[in-house]
Amino acid sequence: MSDDLVNLVDLASDRLGGRVVAASDEFFAPKERVILADAPVWREGEYTDRGKWMDGWETRRRRDLLPGEPGFDGAHDWCIIQLGVRGVIRGVDVETTHFTGNFPESCALDACVATGAATARDFDRVPWQGAVERRALRGGSHNVFDAAAVDATHVRLRIFPDGGVARLRVYGDVTPDWEALRREGELDLAALVHGARVIDSSDMFFGRRDNLIMPGPARGMADGWETRRRRTPGHDWAVVRLGARGTIARVEVDTRHFKGNAPAACSLDVCTAAAPGNDWQELLPRTPLQADSRHGFDRTLRSIGGATHVRLNIFPDGGVARLRLFGRPE
């Protein structure tokens, strides 16, 4: 996968609330699996009453049109997905891992904004836009394609003519409704669903930095940010670009699941520039942390308006499950 896509959000992921609305067929494997955040797995020798168990979405073999017949090239199955968060699509990964003799010949992706649509029939009246034109697929592979920059709440994956897809990743930028969010008052300015991103870190050997700002509590140690054991002077850190400029009034540093590998202490710095530079100001002084615990800070925070970025420093290394930065957007 390209570095450009790695730094974007999977807007369709079930972890963000993505939901499969409808599909033309799901005879061999259910449509819901196509957006699971976990990597697809293979179960050797496992069968259902309909065929081989497959970790993905798989349709039956089409018999309405056969290869070589007029119209076969246009016959296809489809799956409509409500994105977990609205966003601008930048690229997709149509993953066919473990689908080797049963993957589609090609695919295309359409997108739309349909906030009130809930059923397959509702989408018959929706104006779809092409996000990815029809492209050939390889079996047992990550098929990564650039996409047109389309604003979307839903996508439609079309596969030609039939077959199985393990996972669909729809990468893009979150576009929060800040007019509505500001009416809520205090909110998590570091939440991924509010447009925040972890843009840099010193290390993420054991756990990805993006996990810090994912929705909900961490599911386990693998669902947090964890660095390797530091053998040199210094400390580890991660930089969060806030979803909106604001003043942070309350902080939560969550080390749950990290029992023998939590940091000994942490501190927080803020930046009030369009991009991080040398103008970091201390928000939270170096403070001890406990293993496997949620830590809340408010009285020890400095009041610094106009924050755009926050740097979490951990001493000297270790794992943090979640970071929440509550405040009011400007």
Protein backbone atom coordinates (compact mmCIF):
# COMPACT_ATOMS: atom_id res chain seq x y z
CA MET A 1 0.00 0.00 0.00
CA SER A 2 1.28 3.48 -0.79
CA ASP A 3 2.43 5.77 2.01
CA ASP A 4 -0.23 8.28 0.94
CA LEU A 5 -3.04 5.85 1.76
CA VAL A 6 -1.45 4.60 4.99
CA ASN A 7 -1.76 8.15 6.36
CA LEU A 8 -5.49 8.35 5.54
CA VAL A 9 -8.56 7.01 7.36
CA ASP A 10 -10.50 3.89 6.34
CA LEU A 11 -13.86 5.63 6.21
CA ALA A 12 -15.77 2.35 5.72
CA SER A 13 -14.31 0.42 8.64
CA ASP A 14 -16.69 -1.19 11.10
CA ARG A 15 -14.52 0.32 13.86
CA LEU A 16 -15.77 3.76 12.82
CA GLY A 17 -19.36 2.60 12.51
CA GLY A 18 -19.36 1.56 8.86
CA ARG A 19 -22.35 -0.60 7.89
CA VAL A 20 -23.22 -2.71 4.86
CA VAL A 21 -26.71 -1.62 3.79
CA ALA A 22 -27.48 -4.11 1.02
CA ALA A 23 -25.98 -6.46 -1.54
CA SER A 24 -27.20 -8.12 -4.70
CA ASP A 25 -26.19 -11.54 -3.36
CA GLU A 26 -24.24 -13.08 -0.46
CA PHE A 27 -24.75 -16.80 -1.01
CA PHE A 28 -21.30 -18.03 0.03
CA ALA A 29 -20.14 -15.38 2.52
CA PRO A 30 -22.01 -12.52 4.22
CA LYS A 31 -21.69 -8.94 3.07
CA GLU A 32 -20.92 -7.65 6.60
CA ARG A 33 -17.43 -9.17 6.57
CA VAL A 34 -16.20 -6.97 3.73
CA ILE A 35 -15.63 -3.96 6.04
CA LEU A 36 -14.23 -5.73 9.11
CA ALA A 37 -11.15 -3.98 10.48
CA ASP A 38 -9.33 -7.25 11.23
CA ALA A 39 -7.26 -8.86 8.50
CA PRO A 40 -8.97 -11.77 6.69
CA VAL A 41 -8.12 -15.26 7.91
CA TRP A 42 -8.09 -18.70 6.31
CA ARG A 43 -9.76 -21.71 7.98
CA GLU A 44 -8.31 -24.82 6.46
CA GLY A 45 -10.89 -27.51 5.76
CA GLU A 46 -13.88 -25.59 7.16
CA TYR A 47 -17.09 -25.71 5.13
CA THR A 48 -20.65 -24.53 5.62
CA ASP A 49 -23.77 -26.10 4.09
CA ARG A 50 -23.21 -23.74 1.13
CA GLY A 51 -19.53 -24.28 0.49
CA LYS A 52 -16.06 -23.33 1.70
CA TRP A 53 -16.02 -20.88 4.63
CA MET A 54 -14.49 -17.64 3.39
CA ASP A 55 -13.61 -14.51 5.33
CA GLY A 56 -15.20 -11.85 3.16
CA TRP A 57 -18.20 -11.22 0.93
CA GLU A 58 -18.80 -13.82 -1.79
CA THR A 59 -21.65 -14.15 -4.28
CA ARG A 60 -22.82 -17.24 -6.15
CA ARG A 61 -21.75 -17.96 -9.72
CA ARG A 62 -23.96 -15.97 -12.06
CA ARG A 63 -25.95 -18.12 -14.49
CA ASP A 64 -28.23 -15.43 -15.95
CA LEU A 65 -25.53 -14.66 -18.52
CA LEU A 66 -22.65 -16.89 -19.52
CA PRO A 67 -19.20 -15.89 -20.83
CA GLY A 68 -19.38 -15.03 -24.51
CA GLU A 69 -23.07 -14.16 -24.48
CA PRO A 70 -24.22 -10.61 -25.35
CA GLY A 71 -24.43 -8.49 -22.21
CA PHE A 72 -22.14 -10.68 -20.10
CA ASP A 73 -19.57 -7.92 -19.82
CA GLY A 74 -22.10 -5.71 -18.02
CA ALA A 75 -23.50 -8.33 -15.63
CA HIS A 76 -22.34 -7.70 -12.09
CA ASP A 77 -23.00 -7.99 -8.36
CA TRP A 78 -22.91 -5.04 -5.99
CA CYS A 79 -22.67 -4.05 -2.35
CA ILE A 80 -23.73 -0.72 -0.79
CA ILE A 81 -21.87 0.51 2.29
CA GLN A 82 -22.70 3.36 4.64
CA LEU A 83 -19.41 4.95 5.66
CA GLY A 84 -18.71 5.21 9.37
CA VAL A 85 -17.93 8.89 8.91
CA ARG A 86 -18.53 11.23 6.00
CA GLY A 87 -15.40 12.06 4.07
CA VAL A 88 -13.60 12.78 0.83
CA ILE A 89 -12.41 9.57 -0.82
CA ARG A 90 -8.77 9.48 -1.95
CA GLY A 91 -8.13 5.80 -2.66
CA VAL A 92 -9.37 2.25 -2.14
CA ASP A 93 -8.01 -1.21 -1.49
CA VAL A 94 -10.14 -4.02 -2.89
CA GLU A 95 -8.51 -6.92 -1.08
CA THR A 96 -8.92 -10.46 -2.43
CA THR A 97 -6.71 -12.27 0.08
CA HIS A 98 -7.56 -16.04 0.13
CA PHE A 99 -9.82 -15.60 -2.94
CA THR A 100 -7.74 -17.19 -5.68
CA GLY A 101 -10.11 -19.14 -7.96
CA ASN A 102 -13.22 -17.24 -7.01
CA PHE A 103 -12.34 -13.54 -7.17
CA PRO A 104 -14.09 -11.06 -9.52
CA GLU A 105 -12.57 -10.26 -12.89
CA SER A 106 -12.87 -6.51 -12.26
CA CYS A 107 -14.53 -3.91 -10.07
CA ALA A 108 -15.70 -0.29 -9.91
CA LEU A 109 -16.61 2.01 -7.03
CA ASP A 110 -19.34 4.66 -6.95
CA ALA A 111 -20.04 7.21 -4.21
CA CYS A 112 -22.90 9.44 -3.10
CA VAL A 113 -24.13 11.71 -0.34
CA ALA A 114 -27.39 10.25 0.96
CA THR A 115 -27.83 11.10 4.63
CA GLY A 116 -31.46 9.94 4.75
CA ALA A 117 -31.12 6.71 2.76
CA ALA A 118 -31.50 3.46 4.69
CA THR A 119 -32.61 0.70 2.29
CA ALA A 120 -31.54 -0.56 -1.12
CA ARG A 121 -34.65 0.95 -2.68
CA ASP A 122 -33.72 4.41 -1.37
CA PHE A 123 -30.52 4.27 -3.40
CA ASP A 124 -32.36 3.79 -6.69
CA ARG A 125 -33.10 7.52 -6.59
CA VAL A 126 -29.64 8.65 -5.48
CA PRO A 127 -27.24 10.32 -7.98
CA TRP A 128 -24.09 8.16 -7.85
CA GLN A 129 -20.69 9.54 -8.88
CA GLY A 130 -17.82 7.45 -10.15
CA ALA A 131 -14.98 7.25 -7.62
CA VAL A 132 -12.96 4.45 -9.22
CA GLU A 133 -13.55 3.48 -12.84
CA ARG A 134 -13.73 -0.20 -13.74
CA ARG A 135 -10.37 -1.83 -13.02
CA ALA A 136 -9.03 -5.38 -13.34
CA LEU A 137 -8.48 -7.34 -10.12
CA ARG A 138 -5.83 -9.85 -9.08
CA GLY A 139 -6.66 -12.77 -6.82
CA GLY A 140 -5.07 -13.22 -3.40
CA SER A 141 -3.90 -9.61 -3.43
CA HIS A 142 -4.32 -6.04 -2.27
CA ASN A 143 -5.71 -4.17 -5.27
CA VAL A 144 -5.00 -0.50 -4.50
CA PHE A 145 -6.45 2.23 -6.72
CA ASP A 146 -6.45 6.01 -6.59
CA ALA A 147 -9.92 7.52 -6.43
CA ALA A 148 -11.54 10.71 -7.58
CA ALA A 149 -11.83 13.17 -4.68
CA VAL A 150 -15.55 12.59 -4.07
CA ASP A 151 -17.40 13.67 -0.92
CA ALA A 152 -19.46 10.70 0.28
CA THR A 153 -21.60 9.16 2.97
CA HIS A 154 -22.07 5.88 1.05
CA VAL A 155 -20.18 3.84 -1.55
CA ARG A 156 -21.27 1.10 -3.93
CA LEU A 157 -18.76 -1.60 -4.83
CA ARG A 158 -19.57 -3.28 -8.15
CA ILE A 159 -17.85 -6.56 -9.02
CA PHE A 160 -17.87 -8.08 -12.52
CA PRO A 161 -19.42 -10.54 -12.95
CA ASP A 162 -19.40 -12.26 -9.51
CA GLY A 163 -17.08 -13.70 -6.88
CA GLY A 164 -15.53 -12.86 -3.55
CA VAL A 165 -13.85 -9.84 -1.95
CA ALA A 166 -12.16 -10.23 1.43
CA ARG A 167 -12.07 -6.58 2.48
CA LEU A 168 -12.88 -3.15 1.09
CA ARG A 169 -10.89 -0.23 2.49
CA VAL A 170 -12.10 3.24 1.51
CA TYR A 171 -9.32 5.69 2.37
CA GLY A 172 -9.94 9.40 2.69
CA ASP A 173 -10.22 12.50 4.85
CA VAL A 174 -12.97 12.89 7.44
CA THR A 175 -15.23 15.93 6.86
CA PRO A 176 -16.97 16.65 10.18
CA ASP A 177 -20.07 18.85 10.42
CA TRP A 178 -18.48 21.50 12.62
CA GLU A 179 -21.56 23.69 12.60
CA ALA A 180 -23.43 20.91 14.39
CA LEU A 181 -20.50 19.83 16.56
CA ARG A 182 -19.94 23.33 17.96
CA ARG A 183 -23.46 23.27 19.34
CA GLU A 184 -22.49 20.30 21.52
CA GLY A 185 -20.05 22.43 23.52
CA GLU A 186 -17.09 20.50 24.91
CA LEU A 187 -15.97 17.56 22.77
CA ASP A 188 -12.92 15.44 22.02
CA LEU A 189 -10.82 17.60 19.68
CA ALA A 190 -8.47 14.65 19.14
CA ALA A 191 -11.14 12.19 17.98
CA LEU A 192 -10.51 10.63 14.60
CA VAL A 193 -14.24 10.96 13.81
CA HIS A 194 -13.89 14.72 14.36
CA GLY A 195 -11.15 14.97 11.74
CA ALA A 196 -8.09 14.65 14.00
CA ARG A 197 -5.04 12.67 12.86
CA VAL A 198 -1.87 11.35 14.47
CA ILE A 199 0.56 12.80 11.97
CA ASP A 200 3.90 11.68 13.41
CA SER A 201 5.52 9.60 16.13
CA SER A 202 8.94 8.54 17.29
CA ASP A 203 8.13 4.84 16.94
CA MET A 204 5.20 2.43 16.55
CA PHE A 205 6.92 -0.94 16.49
CA PHE A 206 4.18 -2.89 18.31
CA GLY A 207 1.05 -0.77 17.81
CA ARG A 208 0.00 1.87 15.30
CA ARG A 209 -0.17 5.49 16.43
CA ASP A 210 -3.61 5.96 14.81
CA ASN A 211 -5.06 3.67 17.48
CA LEU A 212 -4.61 6.46 20.05
CA ILE A 213 -7.61 8.39 18.72
CA MET A 214 -9.90 5.58 17.57
CA PRO A 215 -13.52 5.55 18.82
CA GLY A 216 -14.41 3.53 21.90
CA PRO A 217 -12.14 1.81 24.41
CA ALA A 218 -9.23 -0.30 23.18
CA ARG A 219 -10.14 -3.94 22.64
CA GLY A 220 -6.75 -5.15 23.83
CA MET A 221 -3.07 -4.34 23.89
CA ALA A 222 -2.83 -4.67 20.10
CA ASP A 223 -5.44 -1.92 19.76
CA GLY A 224 -3.21 0.83 21.21
CA TRP A 225 0.00 2.65 20.36
CA GLU A 226 3.11 0.86 21.62
CA THR A 227 6.79 1.57 21.03
CA ARG A 228 9.73 -0.78 21.27
CA ARG A 229 11.94 -0.87 24.38
CA ARG A 230 14.14 2.22 24.28
CA ARG A 231 17.88 1.49 24.70
CA THR A 232 19.07 5.04 24.04
CA PRO A 233 18.58 8.34 25.91
CA GLY A 234 15.39 10.30 25.36
CA HIS A 235 11.70 9.41 25.23
CA ASP A 236 8.97 8.48 22.77
CA TRP A 237 6.27 10.82 21.47
CA ALA A 238 3.30 11.16 19.11
CA VAL A 239 1.89 14.33 17.51
CA VAL A 240 -1.87 14.77 17.04
CA ARG A 241 -3.30 17.33 14.62
CA LEU A 242 -6.57 18.37 16.22
CA GLY A 243 -9.81 18.24 14.28
CA ALA A 244 -10.34 21.93 15.01
CA ARG A 245 -8.41 24.74 16.69
CA GLY A 246 -9.47 25.10 20.32
CA THR A 247 -8.68 25.28 24.01
CA ILE A 248 -8.13 21.98 25.82
CA ALA A 249 -9.79 21.84 29.24
CA ARG A 250 -9.64 18.15 30.10
CA VAL A 251 -7.37 15.24 29.15
CA GLU A 252 -7.64 11.47 29.43
CA VAL A 253 -4.60 9.20 29.04
CA ASP A 254 -5.70 5.57 29.01
CA THR A 255 -3.16 2.79 29.63
CA ARG A 256 -5.67 -0.05 30.00
CA HIS A 257 -4.37 -3.45 28.81
CA PHE A 258 -0.78 -2.24 29.19
CA LYS A 259 0.30 -3.92 32.43
CA GLY A 260 4.02 -4.62 32.23
CA ASN A 261 4.72 -2.14 29.48
CA ALA A 262 2.94 1.13 30.37
CA PRO A 263 5.04 4.31 30.38
CA ALA A 264 6.33 5.52 33.73
CA ALA A 265 5.13 9.07 33.04
CA CYS A 266 3.77 11.38 30.37
CA SER A 267 3.56 15.06 29.49
CA LEU A 268 1.69 17.10 26.90
CA ASP A 269 2.76 20.06 24.75
CA VAL A 270 0.60 22.15 22.43
CA CYS A 271 1.32 24.12 19.30
CA THR A 272 -0.79 27.05 18.10
CA ALA A 273 0.57 27.28 14.56
CA ALA A 274 -0.77 25.91 11.29
CA ALA A 275 1.98 23.27 11.45
CA PRO A 276 4.20 22.09 14.31
CA GLY A 277 7.46 24.00 14.65
CA ASN A 278 9.54 25.10 17.60
CA ASP A 279 6.69 26.92 19.35
CA TRP A 280 5.59 24.07 21.64
CA GLN A 281 4.14 25.14 24.99
CA GLU A 282 3.70 22.88 27.99
CA LEU A 283 0.08 21.89 28.58
CA LEU A 284 0.63 19.14 31.17
CA PRO A 285 3.92 18.78 33.09
CA ARG A 286 5.60 15.42 33.40
CA THR A 287 3.20 13.32 35.45
CA PRO A 288 3.44 9.68 36.68
CA LEU A 289 1.22 7.07 35.06
CA GLN A 290 -0.18 3.81 36.40
CA ALA A 291 -0.36 0.59 34.40
CA ASP A 292 -3.73 -0.61 33.10
CA SER A 293 -5.56 2.57 34.20
CA ARG A 294 -7.51 5.58 32.94
CA HIS A 295 -5.95 8.89 33.98
CA GLY A 296 -7.89 12.16 33.96
CA PHE A 297 -6.24 15.58 34.12
CA ASP A 298 -7.86 19.00 34.30
CA ARG A 299 -6.58 21.09 37.23
CA THR A 300 -2.94 20.57 36.26
CA LEU A 301 -3.48 21.80 32.68
CA ARG A 302 -2.40 25.23 31.52
CA SER A 303 -5.04 27.24 29.65
CA ILE A 304 -3.68 27.78 26.15
CA GLY A 305 -6.05 29.02 23.49
CA GLY A 306 -5.87 28.34 19.79
CA ALA A 307 -4.21 24.91 19.98
CA THR A 308 -3.85 23.15 16.63
CA HIS A 309 -1.53 20.26 17.54
CA VAL A 310 -0.74 18.29 20.70
CA ARG A 311 2.39 16.24 21.40
CA LEU A 312 2.05 13.33 23.80
CA ASN A 313 5.41 12.52 25.40
CA ILE A 314 5.85 9.18 27.17
CA PHE A 315 8.81 8.39 29.43
CA PRO A 316 10.77 6.50 28.42
CA ASP A 317 8.69 4.20 26.17
CA GLY A 318 5.75 1.79 26.27
CA GLY A 319 2.09 1.63 25.33
CA VAL A 320 -0.94 3.93 25.56
CA ALA A 321 -4.40 2.68 24.59
CA ARG A 322 -6.24 5.99 24.01
CA LEU A 323 -5.70 9.74 24.23
CA ARG A 324 -8.71 12.06 24.65
CA LEU A 325 -8.36 15.86 24.49
CA PHE A 326 -11.61 17.55 25.49
CA GLY A 327 -12.22 21.20 24.77
CA ARG A 328 -14.24 23.73 22.83
CA PRO A 329 -13.54 24.31 19.15
CA GLU A 330 -13.01 27.91 18.06
